[in-house]
Amino acid sequence: MTEVKINELFDANRKKLICPTCGKKDFGRVRAKNLLATSTLGVFEGDDQEVYLRAETAQGIYINFKNVLETGVYSMPFGIAQIGKVFRNEISPRQFLFRMREFEQMEMQYFVSPQDAPAAYTRWKQQRFEYYATLGIRKDKLRLKQHENLVFYAKDAWDIQYEFPFGWNELEGLHYRGDYDLSQHQKFSGADASVYDDETKKHYIPHVVETSVGVERTMLMILCDAYDEDEMNGEKRVVLRFHPRMAPVKVAVFPLLKNKPQLVDKAREVYQLLRSTLHVSGSMIAWDDNGNIGKRYRRQDEIGTQRPIPIFPRI
């Protein structure tokens, strides 16, 4: 439907339109809006070609699907995952990390035969929901919510949501997309997107189960879930209670008394030993000999380091 036709229909029904929230009746004209972010490419300005920045990371996966299948010695079903920057021409960016024009997205497209797709979708939905528990996220803060209105090509769609301090919001989308994406790629590119089934001796267009995750939202969820406050001597203190997998600093080493060279040397020895045996980045093991022991513990509590077991070495 053209923009002109939409406005004619809109004008004919303008008096009947009332905002259910605020009761507003005065609406502006309907105008077209492209949510794809555009740019130009070319050697000379007059000859530049308009191009679109990707709004999803999935496009490259669909384009390379057959190439990956044939050169990677894979068999159906299999998935391709990708992470990268995506861009949306949002009309009014807002809601902190939830309506941005540029963000980091992780997606997986799982290609499966049509008859196996519903079971695969159910399995991936459950596995993705259970994944967040491995990050230490409280289960009572997570829920699955089915989409009430599906896009025309979708077979089913659910969101994994987290209860942020400002309410429930989406972490991850789980979509059963049918064969729409590959069939459209085949239609407009002319490239064969079908696969051959050795059992049925027939070709088919794979169906797609998609999981789509926002990196920034995931990080915000982890911080919100870990945030806590305790009280000492009538004073509130911030504490981050990360799951050990999520803690940015895994181990902290303190010499009990920094004016005792023997204790400092032994603590340094423990620190170097941990760095060489834990197989983690050096930034994940903290050395702190600044201030009294209580302040050192306090600093580690604030950044989410797990409470260490005091070691009193024999000297």
C-alpha atoms as a PDB file:
ATOM      1  CA  MET A   1       0.000   0.000   0.000  1.00  0.00           C
ATOM      2  CA  THR A   2       1.427   3.397  -1.008  1.00  0.00           C
ATOM      3  CA  GLU A   3       1.962   6.281   1.394  1.00  0.00           C
ATOM      4  CA  VAL A   4      -0.806   8.248  -0.385  1.00  0.00           C
ATOM      5  CA  LYS A   5      -3.330   5.406   0.019  1.00  0.00           C
ATOM      6  CA  ILE A   6      -2.415   4.990   3.693  1.00  0.00           C
ATOM      7  CA  ASN A   7      -3.009   8.702   4.339  1.00  0.00           C
ATOM      8  CA  GLU A   8      -6.365   8.577   2.527  1.00  0.00           C
ATOM      9  CA  LEU A   9      -7.427   5.668   4.727  1.00  0.00           C
ATOM     10  CA  PHE A  10      -6.028   7.425   7.776  1.00  0.00           C
ATOM     11  CA  ASP A  11      -7.931  10.667   7.021  1.00  0.00           C
ATOM     12  CA  ALA A  12     -11.179   8.760   6.534  1.00  0.00           C
ATOM     13  CA  ASN A  13     -10.853   7.213   9.991  1.00  0.00           C
ATOM     14  CA  ARG A  14      -9.070  10.049  11.801  1.00  0.00           C
ATOM     15  CA  LYS A  15     -12.000  10.919  14.060  1.00  0.00           C
ATOM     16  CA  LYS A  16     -12.216   7.326  15.292  1.00  0.00           C
ATOM     17  CA  LEU A  17      -8.539   7.140  16.299  1.00  0.00           C
ATOM     18  CA  ILE A  18      -7.849   7.625  19.993  1.00  0.00           C
ATOM     19  CA  CYS A  19      -4.656   6.734  21.851  1.00  0.00           C
ATOM     20  CA  PRO A  20      -5.608   4.071  24.422  1.00  0.00           C
ATOM     21  CA  THR A  21      -2.962   5.367  26.863  1.00  0.00           C
ATOM     22  CA  CYS A  22      -3.220   9.152  26.866  1.00  0.00           C
ATOM     23  CA  GLY A  23      -6.493   9.723  24.989  1.00  0.00           C
ATOM     24  CA  LYS A  24      -4.763  11.808  22.313  1.00  0.00           C
ATOM     25  CA  LYS A  25      -6.742  12.351  19.110  1.00  0.00           C
ATOM     26  CA  ASP A  26      -4.465  14.678  17.122  1.00  0.00           C
ATOM     27  CA  PHE A  27      -2.143  12.498  15.044  1.00  0.00           C
ATOM     28  CA  GLY A  28       0.330  13.633  12.382  1.00  0.00           C
ATOM     29  CA  ARG A  29       0.445  12.495   8.787  1.00  0.00           C
ATOM     30  CA  VAL A  30       1.657   8.975   7.955  1.00  0.00           C
ATOM     31  CA  ARG A  31       5.131   9.038   6.448  1.00  0.00           C
ATOM     32  CA  ALA A  32       7.396   6.310   5.132  1.00  0.00           C
ATOM     33  CA  LYS A  33      10.404   5.352   7.234  1.00  0.00           C
ATOM     34  CA  ASN A  34      13.277   3.009   6.335  1.00  0.00           C
ATOM     35  CA  LEU A  35      14.877   1.467   9.414  1.00  0.00           C
ATOM     36  CA  LEU A  36      17.982   0.488   7.424  1.00  0.00           C
ATOM     37  CA  ALA A  37      20.962   2.800   7.965  1.00  0.00           C
ATOM     38  CA  THR A  38      22.384   4.078   4.672  1.00  0.00           C
ATOM     39  CA  SER A  39      25.767   5.273   3.450  1.00  0.00           C
ATOM     40  CA  THR A  40      27.502   5.779   0.079  1.00  0.00           C
ATOM     41  CA  LEU A  41      30.430   4.082  -1.644  1.00  0.00           C
ATOM     42  CA  GLY A  42      32.356   5.173  -4.698  1.00  0.00           C
ATOM     43  CA  VAL A  43      35.447   6.917  -6.044  1.00  0.00           C
ATOM     44  CA  PHE A  44      33.732  10.153  -7.101  1.00  0.00           C
ATOM     45  CA  GLU A  45      30.893  11.872  -5.273  1.00  0.00           C
ATOM     46  CA  GLY A  46      28.610  12.117  -8.285  1.00  0.00           C
ATOM     47  CA  ASP A  47      28.981   8.407  -8.997  1.00  0.00           C
ATOM     48  CA  ASP A  48      28.650   7.176  -5.414  1.00  0.00           C
ATOM     49  CA  GLN A  49      26.295   4.274  -4.903  1.00  0.00           C
ATOM     50  CA  GLU A  50      23.898   4.134  -1.970  1.00  0.00           C
ATOM     51  CA  VAL A  51      24.563   1.150   0.300  1.00  0.00           C
ATOM     52  CA  TYR A  52      22.941  -0.176   3.450  1.00  0.00           C
ATOM     53  CA  LEU A  53      24.647  -0.995   6.725  1.00  0.00           C
ATOM     54  CA  ARG A  54      23.563  -4.383   7.984  1.00  0.00           C
ATOM     55  CA  ALA A  55      20.625  -4.431  10.368  1.00  0.00           C
ATOM     56  CA  GLU A  56      21.294  -8.056  11.351  1.00  0.00           C
ATOM     57  CA  THR A  57      24.335 -10.339  11.310  1.00  0.00           C
ATOM     58  CA  ALA A  58      22.300 -13.113   9.672  1.00  0.00           C
ATOM     59  CA  GLN A  59      22.528 -11.943   6.050  1.00  0.00           C
ATOM     60  CA  GLY A  60      26.116 -13.083   5.623  1.00  0.00           C
ATOM     61  CA  ILE A  61      25.198 -16.460   7.097  1.00  0.00           C
ATOM     62  CA  TYR A  62      22.468 -17.054   4.509  1.00  0.00           C
ATOM     63  CA  ILE A  63      24.684 -15.940   1.637  1.00  0.00           C
ATOM     64  CA  ASN A  64      27.458 -18.309   2.718  1.00  0.00           C
ATOM     65  CA  PHE A  65      25.240 -21.202   3.792  1.00  0.00           C
ATOM     66  CA  LYS A  66      25.956 -23.481   0.825  1.00  0.00           C
ATOM     67  CA  ASN A  67      29.644 -22.545   0.782  1.00  0.00           C
ATOM     68  CA  VAL A  68      30.024 -23.526   4.454  1.00  0.00           C
ATOM     69  CA  LEU A  69      28.004 -26.721   3.989  1.00  0.00           C
ATOM     70  CA  GLU A  70      30.019 -27.930   1.010  1.00  0.00           C
ATOM     71  CA  THR A  71      33.530 -26.856   2.018  1.00  0.00           C
ATOM     72  CA  GLY A  72      33.278 -27.574   5.742  1.00  0.00           C
ATOM     73  CA  VAL A  73      32.376 -31.244   5.304  1.00  0.00           C
ATOM     74  CA  TYR A  74      29.236 -30.707   7.377  1.00  0.00           C
ATOM     75  CA  SER A  75      25.945 -32.556   7.173  1.00  0.00           C
ATOM     76  CA  MET A  76      22.436 -31.492   8.041  1.00  0.00           C
ATOM     77  CA  PRO A  77      21.467 -30.300  10.591  1.00  0.00           C
ATOM     78  CA  PHE A  78      24.120 -27.753  11.519  1.00  0.00           C
ATOM     79  CA  GLY A  79      24.375 -24.151  12.634  1.00  0.00           C
ATOM     80  CA  ILE A  80      26.419 -21.056  11.834  1.00  0.00           C
ATOM     81  CA  ALA A  81      27.016 -18.426  14.524  1.00  0.00           C
ATOM     82  CA  GLN A  82      28.313 -14.901  14.121  1.00  0.00           C
ATOM     83  CA  ILE A  83      28.933 -11.786  16.203  1.00  0.00           C
ATOM     84  CA  GLY A  84      29.347  -8.219  15.023  1.00  0.00           C
ATOM     85  CA  LYS A  85      28.131  -4.638  14.807  1.00  0.00           C
ATOM     86  CA  VAL A  86      24.672  -3.929  13.423  1.00  0.00           C
ATOM     87  CA  PHE A  87      22.958  -0.631  12.685  1.00  0.00           C
ATOM     88  CA  ARG A  88      19.338   0.509  12.897  1.00  0.00           C
ATOM     89  CA  ASN A  89      17.975   3.862  11.788  1.00  0.00           C
ATOM     90  CA  GLU A  90      15.900   4.221  14.949  1.00  0.00           C
ATOM     91  CA  ILE A  91      13.419   7.097  14.901  1.00  0.00           C
ATOM     92  CA  SER A  92      13.984   7.941  18.570  1.00  0.00           C
ATOM     93  CA  PRO A  93      16.788   6.035  20.331  1.00  0.00           C
ATOM     94  CA  ARG A  94      15.856   5.553  23.974  1.00  0.00           C
ATOM     95  CA  GLN A  95      15.483   3.017  26.788  1.00  0.00           C
ATOM     96  CA  PHE A  96      19.228   3.022  27.519  1.00  0.00           C
ATOM     97  CA  LEU A  97      20.689  -0.104  25.820  1.00  0.00           C
ATOM     98  CA  PHE A  98      17.407  -1.266  24.286  1.00  0.00           C
ATOM     99  CA  ARG A  99      16.803   1.152  21.425  1.00  0.00           C
ATOM    100  CA  MET A 100      20.183   2.003  19.925  1.00  0.00           C
ATOM    101  CA  ARG A 101      21.337   2.833  16.421  1.00  0.00           C
ATOM    102  CA  GLU A 102      24.551   0.833  16.781  1.00  0.00           C
ATOM    103  CA  PHE A 103      25.036  -2.260  18.906  1.00  0.00           C
ATOM    104  CA  GLU A 104      26.764  -5.631  19.090  1.00  0.00           C
ATOM    105  CA  GLN A 105      24.694  -8.662  18.147  1.00  0.00           C
ATOM    106  CA  MET A 106      25.261 -12.413  18.395  1.00  0.00           C
ATOM    107  CA  GLU A 107      23.169 -14.676  16.174  1.00  0.00           C
ATOM    108  CA  MET A 108      22.989 -18.331  15.297  1.00  0.00           C
ATOM    109  CA  GLN A 109      21.106 -19.776  12.333  1.00  0.00           C
ATOM    110  CA  TYR A 110      20.466 -23.500  12.763  1.00  0.00           C
ATOM    111  CA  PHE A 111      19.625 -25.233   9.480  1.00  0.00           C
ATOM    112  CA  VAL A 112      17.432 -28.318   9.753  1.00  0.00           C
ATOM    113  CA  SER A 113      15.066 -30.392   7.618  1.00  0.00           C
ATOM    114  CA  PRO A 114      11.394 -29.280   7.588  1.00  0.00           C
ATOM    115  CA  GLN A 115      10.162 -32.395   9.418  1.00  0.00           C
ATOM    116  CA  ASP A 116      12.763 -32.045  12.204  1.00  0.00           C
ATOM    117  CA  ALA A 117      12.482 -28.273  12.600  1.00  0.00           C
ATOM    118  CA  PRO A 118       9.663 -28.099  15.227  1.00  0.00           C
ATOM    119  CA  ALA A 119      11.500 -30.489  17.578  1.00  0.00           C
ATOM    120  CA  ALA A 120      14.793 -28.632  17.004  1.00  0.00           C
ATOM    121  CA  TYR A 121      13.106 -25.326  17.821  1.00  0.00           C
ATOM    122  CA  THR A 122      11.703 -26.709  21.087  1.00  0.00           C
ATOM    123  CA  ARG A 123      15.122 -28.104  22.015  1.00  0.00           C
ATOM    124  CA  TRP A 124      17.012 -24.874  21.273  1.00  0.00           C
ATOM    125  CA  LYS A 125      14.444 -22.806  23.171  1.00  0.00           C
ATOM    126  CA  GLN A 126      15.003 -24.895  26.288  1.00  0.00           C
ATOM    127  CA  GLN A 127      18.785 -25.003  25.939  1.00  0.00           C
ATOM    128  CA  ARG A 128      19.077 -21.263  25.469  1.00  0.00           C
ATOM    129  CA  PHE A 129      16.865 -20.610  28.500  1.00  0.00           C
ATOM    130  CA  GLU A 130      18.966 -22.954  30.652  1.00  0.00           C
ATOM    131  CA  TYR A 131      22.190 -21.291  29.445  1.00  0.00           C
ATOM    132  CA  TYR A 132      21.608 -18.208  31.601  1.00  0.00           C
ATOM    133  CA  ALA A 133      21.651 -20.304  34.770  1.00  0.00           C
ATOM    134  CA  THR A 134      25.254 -21.261  33.917  1.00  0.00           C
ATOM    135  CA  LEU A 135      26.103 -17.553  34.216  1.00  0.00           C
ATOM    136  CA  GLY A 136      24.716 -17.570  37.760  1.00  0.00           C
ATOM    137  CA  ILE A 137      21.563 -15.629  36.836  1.00  0.00           C
ATOM    138  CA  ARG A 138      18.693 -16.132  39.281  1.00  0.00           C
ATOM    139  CA  LYS A 139      15.992 -18.289  37.699  1.00  0.00           C
ATOM    140  CA  ASP A 140      13.145 -16.287  39.231  1.00  0.00           C
ATOM    141  CA  LYS A 141      14.406 -13.278  37.237  1.00  0.00           C
ATOM    142  CA  LEU A 142      14.087 -15.095  33.884  1.00  0.00           C
ATOM    143  CA  ARG A 143      11.046 -16.037  31.826  1.00  0.00           C
ATOM    144  CA  LEU A 144      10.026 -17.173  28.354  1.00  0.00           C
ATOM    145  CA  LYS A 145       7.395 -15.058  26.600  1.00  0.00           C
ATOM    146  CA  GLN A 146       5.724 -15.992  23.330  1.00  0.00           C
ATOM    147  CA  HIS A 147       5.162 -13.345  20.654  1.00  0.00           C
ATOM    148  CA  GLU A 148       1.501 -12.431  20.302  1.00  0.00           C
ATOM    149  CA  ASN A 149       1.864 -11.087  16.759  1.00  0.00           C
ATOM    150  CA  LEU A 150       4.125 -12.985  14.375  1.00  0.00           C
ATOM    151  CA  VAL A 151       5.723 -11.531  11.252  1.00  0.00           C
ATOM    152  CA  PHE A 152       4.295 -13.035   8.080  1.00  0.00           C
ATOM    153  CA  TYR A 153       7.085 -15.583   7.504  1.00  0.00           C
ATOM    154  CA  ALA A 154       7.532 -16.802  11.108  1.00  0.00           C
ATOM    155  CA  LYS A 155       6.234 -20.144  12.335  1.00  0.00           C
ATOM    156  CA  ASP A 156       6.799 -19.325  16.015  1.00  0.00           C
ATOM    157  CA  ALA A 157       8.722 -16.809  18.128  1.00  0.00           C
ATOM    158  CA  TRP A 158       9.583 -16.491  21.816  1.00  0.00           C
ATOM    159  CA  ASP A 159      11.707 -14.090  23.855  1.00  0.00           C
ATOM    160  CA  ILE A 160      13.870 -14.855  26.852  1.00  0.00           C
ATOM    161  CA  GLN A 161      13.286 -11.952  29.216  1.00  0.00           C
ATOM    162  CA  TYR A 162      15.015 -10.730  32.374  1.00  0.00           C
ATOM    163  CA  GLU A 163      13.450  -8.664  35.134  1.00  0.00           C
ATOM    164  CA  PHE A 164      15.655  -5.570  35.204  1.00  0.00           C
ATOM    165  CA  PRO A 165      15.227  -2.945  37.962  1.00  0.00           C
ATOM    166  CA  PHE A 166      13.039  -1.056  35.464  1.00  0.00           C
ATOM    167  CA  GLY A 167      10.915  -4.085  34.515  1.00  0.00           C
ATOM    168  CA  TRP A 168      10.909  -7.110  32.228  1.00  0.00           C
ATOM    169  CA  ASN A 169      12.749  -6.734  28.937  1.00  0.00           C
ATOM    170  CA  GLU A 170      14.088  -8.917  26.138  1.00  0.00           C
ATOM    171  CA  LEU A 171      17.499 -10.577  26.328  1.00  0.00           C
ATOM    172  CA  GLU A 172      17.278 -12.991  23.436  1.00  0.00           C
ATOM    173  CA  GLY A 173      14.919 -13.770  20.577  1.00  0.00           C
ATOM    174  CA  LEU A 174      14.189 -17.374  19.569  1.00  0.00           C
ATOM    175  CA  HIS A 175      12.589 -17.626  16.145  1.00  0.00           C
ATOM    176  CA  TYR A 176      11.399 -20.455  13.958  1.00  0.00           C
ATOM    177  CA  ARG A 177      11.719 -18.766  10.557  1.00  0.00           C
ATOM    178  CA  GLY A 178      10.688 -21.611   8.251  1.00  0.00           C
ATOM    179  CA  ASP A 179      12.389 -21.641   4.833  1.00  0.00           C
ATOM    180  CA  TYR A 180      11.688 -17.973   4.083  1.00  0.00           C
ATOM    181  CA  ASP A 181      15.261 -16.673   4.237  1.00  0.00           C
ATOM    182  CA  LEU A 182      16.932 -19.289   2.043  1.00  0.00           C
ATOM    183  CA  SER A 183      14.044 -19.441  -0.433  1.00  0.00           C
ATOM    184  CA  GLN A 184      14.168 -15.642  -0.864  1.00  0.00           C
ATOM    185  CA  HIS A 185      17.940 -15.747  -1.308  1.00  0.00           C
ATOM    186  CA  GLN A 186      17.510 -18.440  -3.952  1.00  0.00           C
ATOM    187  CA  LYS A 187      14.732 -16.495  -5.695  1.00  0.00           C
ATOM    188  CA  PHE A 188      16.611 -13.219  -6.057  1.00  0.00           C
ATOM    189  CA  SER A 189      20.202 -14.468  -6.443  1.00  0.00           C
ATOM    190  CA  GLY A 190      19.531 -17.457  -8.671  1.00  0.00           C
ATOM    191  CA  ALA A 191      21.839 -19.556  -6.469  1.00  0.00           C
ATOM    192  CA  ASP A 192      20.593 -22.995  -5.465  1.00  0.00           C
ATOM    193  CA  ALA A 193      19.955 -23.043  -1.703  1.00  0.00           C
ATOM    194  CA  SER A 194      18.521 -26.562  -1.530  1.00  0.00           C
ATOM    195  CA  VAL A 195      20.170 -29.645  -0.023  1.00  0.00           C
ATOM    196  CA  TYR A 196      19.836 -33.296  -0.983  1.00  0.00           C
ATOM    197  CA  ASP A 197      18.361 -35.835   1.436  1.00  0.00           C
ATOM    198  CA  ASP A 198      19.991 -39.250   0.970  1.00  0.00           C
ATOM    199  CA  GLU A 199      17.071 -41.014   2.674  1.00  0.00           C
ATOM    200  CA  THR A 200      14.165 -39.519   0.722  1.00  0.00           C
ATOM    201  CA  LYS A 201      16.241 -38.940  -2.446  1.00  0.00           C
ATOM    202  CA  LYS A 202      14.756 -35.447  -2.692  1.00  0.00           C
ATOM    203  CA  HIS A 203      15.997 -31.867  -2.497  1.00  0.00           C
ATOM    204  CA  TYR A 204      14.566 -29.457   0.071  1.00  0.00           C
ATOM    205  CA  ILE A 205      15.099 -25.912   1.328  1.00  0.00           C
ATOM    206  CA  PRO A 206      16.262 -26.118   4.967  1.00  0.00           C
ATOM    207  CA  HIS A 207      14.190 -24.502   7.680  1.00  0.00           C
ATOM    208  CA  VAL A 208      15.904 -22.086  10.077  1.00  0.00           C
ATOM    209  CA  VAL A 209      15.863 -21.890  13.866  1.00  0.00           C
ATOM    210  CA  GLU A 210      17.396 -18.597  14.965  1.00  0.00           C
ATOM    211  CA  THR A 211      18.721 -17.360  18.292  1.00  0.00           C
ATOM    212  CA  SER A 212      19.567 -13.655  18.467  1.00  0.00           C
ATOM    213  CA  VAL A 213      21.271 -12.045  21.477  1.00  0.00           C
ATOM    214  CA  GLY A 214      22.268  -8.473  22.275  1.00  0.00           C
ATOM    215  CA  VAL A 215      25.734  -8.349  23.856  1.00  0.00           C
ATOM    216  CA  GLU A 216      25.130  -5.074  25.703  1.00  0.00           C
ATOM    217  CA  ARG A 217      21.854  -6.348  27.157  1.00  0.00           C
ATOM    218  CA  THR A 218      23.563  -9.482  28.393  1.00  0.00           C
ATOM    219  CA  MET A 219      26.273  -7.473  30.135  1.00  0.00           C
ATOM    220  CA  LEU A 220      23.658  -5.208  31.722  1.00  0.00           C
ATOM    221  CA  MET A 221      21.744  -8.264  32.970  1.00  0.00           C
ATOM    222  CA  ILE A 222      24.895  -9.746  34.545  1.00  0.00           C
ATOM    223  CA  LEU A 223      25.678  -6.466  36.339  1.00  0.00           C
ATOM    224  CA  CYS A 224      22.093  -5.989  37.540  1.00  0.00           C
ATOM    225  CA  ASP A 225      21.881  -9.562  38.789  1.00  0.00           C
ATOM    226  CA  ALA A 226      25.199  -9.322  40.648  1.00  0.00           C
ATOM    227  CA  TYR A 227      24.542  -5.916  42.219  1.00  0.00           C
ATOM    228  CA  ASP A 228      23.895  -5.989  45.939  1.00  0.00           C
ATOM    229  CA  GLU A 229      24.276  -3.772  48.982  1.00  0.00           C
ATOM    230  CA  ASP A 230      25.268  -4.734  52.494  1.00  0.00           C
ATOM    231  CA  GLU A 231      25.716  -2.678  55.621  1.00  0.00           C
ATOM    232  CA  MET A 232      28.699  -2.355  57.914  1.00  0.00           C
ATOM    233  CA  ASN A 233      28.810  -0.046  60.929  1.00  0.00           C
ATOM    234  CA  GLY A 234      25.636   1.670  59.704  1.00  0.00           C
ATOM    235  CA  GLU A 235      27.101   2.395  56.276  1.00  0.00           C
ATOM    236  CA  LYS A 236      25.731   0.901  53.028  1.00  0.00           C
ATOM    237  CA  ARG A 237      28.309  -0.670  50.737  1.00  0.00           C
ATOM    238  CA  VAL A 238      28.065  -1.843  47.151  1.00  0.00           C
ATOM    239  CA  VAL A 239      28.918  -5.498  46.560  1.00  0.00           C
ATOM    240  CA  LEU A 240      28.961  -7.380  43.250  1.00  0.00           C
ATOM    241  CA  ARG A 241      28.079 -11.037  43.724  1.00  0.00           C
ATOM    242  CA  PHE A 242      29.215 -12.473  40.402  1.00  0.00           C
ATOM    243  CA  HIS A 243      29.139 -16.146  39.575  1.00  0.00           C
ATOM    244  CA  PRO A 244      32.809 -17.310  39.477  1.00  0.00           C
ATOM    245  CA  ARG A 245      32.572 -17.688  35.688  1.00  0.00           C
ATOM    246  CA  MET A 246      31.575 -14.033  35.315  1.00  0.00           C
ATOM    247  CA  ALA A 247      33.878 -12.427  37.873  1.00  0.00           C
ATOM    248  CA  PRO A 248      36.421 -10.240  36.032  1.00  0.00           C
ATOM    249  CA  VAL A 249      38.991 -10.923  38.769  1.00  0.00           C
ATOM    250  CA  LYS A 250      39.151 -14.580  39.778  1.00  0.00           C
ATOM    251  CA  VAL A 251      41.793 -14.470  42.507  1.00  0.00           C
ATOM    252  CA  ALA A 252      43.303 -11.745  44.673  1.00  0.00           C
ATOM    253  CA  VAL A 253      46.569 -12.158  46.557  1.00  0.00           C
ATOM    254  CA  PHE A 254      47.460  -9.940  49.544  1.00  0.00           C
ATOM    255  CA  PRO A 255      50.508 -10.018  51.790  1.00  0.00           C
ATOM    256  CA  LEU A 256      49.146  -9.909  55.320  1.00  0.00           C
ATOM    257  CA  LEU A 257      51.641  -7.242  56.369  1.00  0.00           C
ATOM    258  CA  LYS A 258      53.446  -5.264  53.664  1.00  0.00           C
ATOM    259  CA  ASN A 259      56.213  -4.147  56.042  1.00  0.00           C
ATOM    260  CA  LYS A 260      57.355  -7.758  56.481  1.00  0.00           C
ATOM    261  CA  PRO A 261      59.630  -8.590  53.500  1.00  0.00           C
ATOM    262  CA  GLN A 262      59.333 -12.337  54.102  1.00  0.00           C
ATOM    263  CA  LEU A 263      55.520 -12.194  53.917  1.00  0.00           C
ATOM    264  CA  VAL A 264      55.605  -9.997  50.814  1.00  0.00           C
ATOM    265  CA  ASP A 265      58.062 -12.325  49.063  1.00  0.00           C
ATOM    266  CA  LYS A 266      55.982 -15.392  49.890  1.00  0.00           C
ATOM    267  CA  ALA A 267      52.785 -13.674  48.692  1.00  0.00           C
ATOM    268  CA  ARG A 268      54.573 -12.706  45.460  1.00  0.00           C
ATOM    269  CA  GLU A 269      55.577 -16.319  45.023  1.00  0.00           C
ATOM    270  CA  VAL A 270      51.947 -17.428  45.401  1.00  0.00           C
ATOM    271  CA  TYR A 271      50.852 -14.728  42.941  1.00  0.00           C
ATOM    272  CA  GLN A 272      53.367 -15.813  40.281  1.00  0.00           C
ATOM    273  CA  LEU A 273      52.509 -19.477  40.844  1.00  0.00           C
ATOM    274  CA  LEU A 274      48.807 -18.800  40.283  1.00  0.00           C
ATOM    275  CA  ARG A 275      49.518 -16.817  37.123  1.00  0.00           C
ATOM    276  CA  SER A 276      51.540 -19.679  35.682  1.00  0.00           C
ATOM    277  CA  THR A 277      49.167 -22.517  36.638  1.00  0.00           C
ATOM    278  CA  LEU A 278      45.610 -21.154  36.296  1.00  0.00           C
ATOM    279  CA  HIS A 279      45.919 -20.536  32.538  1.00  0.00           C
ATOM    280  CA  VAL A 280      43.983 -17.271  32.718  1.00  0.00           C
ATOM    281  CA  SER A 281      44.849 -13.732  31.748  1.00  0.00           C
ATOM    282  CA  GLY A 282      47.115 -11.865  34.124  1.00  0.00           C
ATOM    283  CA  SER A 283      44.370  -9.254  34.590  1.00  0.00           C
ATOM    284  CA  MET A 284      42.176 -11.944  36.189  1.00  0.00           C
ATOM    285  CA  ILE A 285      44.573 -12.287  39.136  1.00  0.00           C
ATOM    286  CA  ALA A 286      44.972  -9.222  41.329  1.00  0.00           C
ATOM    287  CA  TRP A 287      47.929  -8.238  43.467  1.00  0.00           C
ATOM    288  CA  ASP A 288      47.134  -5.675  46.140  1.00  0.00           C
ATOM    289  CA  ASP A 289      49.426  -4.500  48.935  1.00  0.00           C
ATOM    290  CA  ASN A 290      48.017  -0.989  49.248  1.00  0.00           C
ATOM    291  CA  GLY A 291      46.368  -0.011  52.550  1.00  0.00           C
ATOM    292  CA  ASN A 292      45.246  -2.232  55.379  1.00  0.00           C
ATOM    293  CA  ILE A 293      43.892  -5.740  54.830  1.00  0.00           C
ATOM    294  CA  GLY A 294      40.285  -4.661  55.428  1.00  0.00           C
ATOM    295  CA  LYS A 295      40.413  -2.055  52.649  1.00  0.00           C
ATOM    296  CA  ARG A 296      41.900  -4.623  50.290  1.00  0.00           C
ATOM    297  CA  TYR A 297      39.051  -7.040  50.949  1.00  0.00           C
ATOM    298  CA  ARG A 298      36.600  -4.185  50.480  1.00  0.00           C
ATOM    299  CA  ARG A 299      37.983  -3.310  47.044  1.00  0.00           C
ATOM    300  CA  GLN A 300      37.658  -6.920  45.887  1.00  0.00           C
ATOM    301  CA  ASP A 301      34.094  -7.184  47.230  1.00  0.00           C
ATOM    302  CA  GLU A 302      33.163  -4.110  45.236  1.00  0.00           C
ATOM    303  CA  ILE A 303      34.419  -5.525  41.920  1.00  0.00           C
ATOM    304  CA  GLY A 304      32.951  -8.981  42.475  1.00  0.00           C
ATOM    305  CA  THR A 305      36.001 -11.115  43.285  1.00  0.00           C
ATOM    306  CA  GLN A 306      35.040 -14.306  45.091  1.00  0.00           C
ATOM    307  CA  ARG A 307      36.039 -14.208  48.742  1.00  0.00           C
ATOM    308  CA  PRO A 308      39.443 -15.944  48.917  1.00  0.00           C
ATOM    309  CA  ILE A 309      40.563 -18.366  51.599  1.00  0.00           C
ATOM    310  CA  PRO A 310      43.297 -16.761  53.750  1.00  0.00           C
ATOM    311  CA  ILE A 311      46.612 -18.596  53.478  1.00  0.00           C
ATOM    312  CA  PHE A 312      49.145 -18.316  56.276  1.00  0.00           C
ATOM    313  CA  PRO A 313      52.336 -19.858  54.850  1.00  0.00           C
ATOM    314  CA  ARG A 314      55.016 -21.346  57.029  1.00  0.00           C
ATOM    315  CA  ILE A 315      58.124 -19.151  56.752  1.00  0.00           C
END
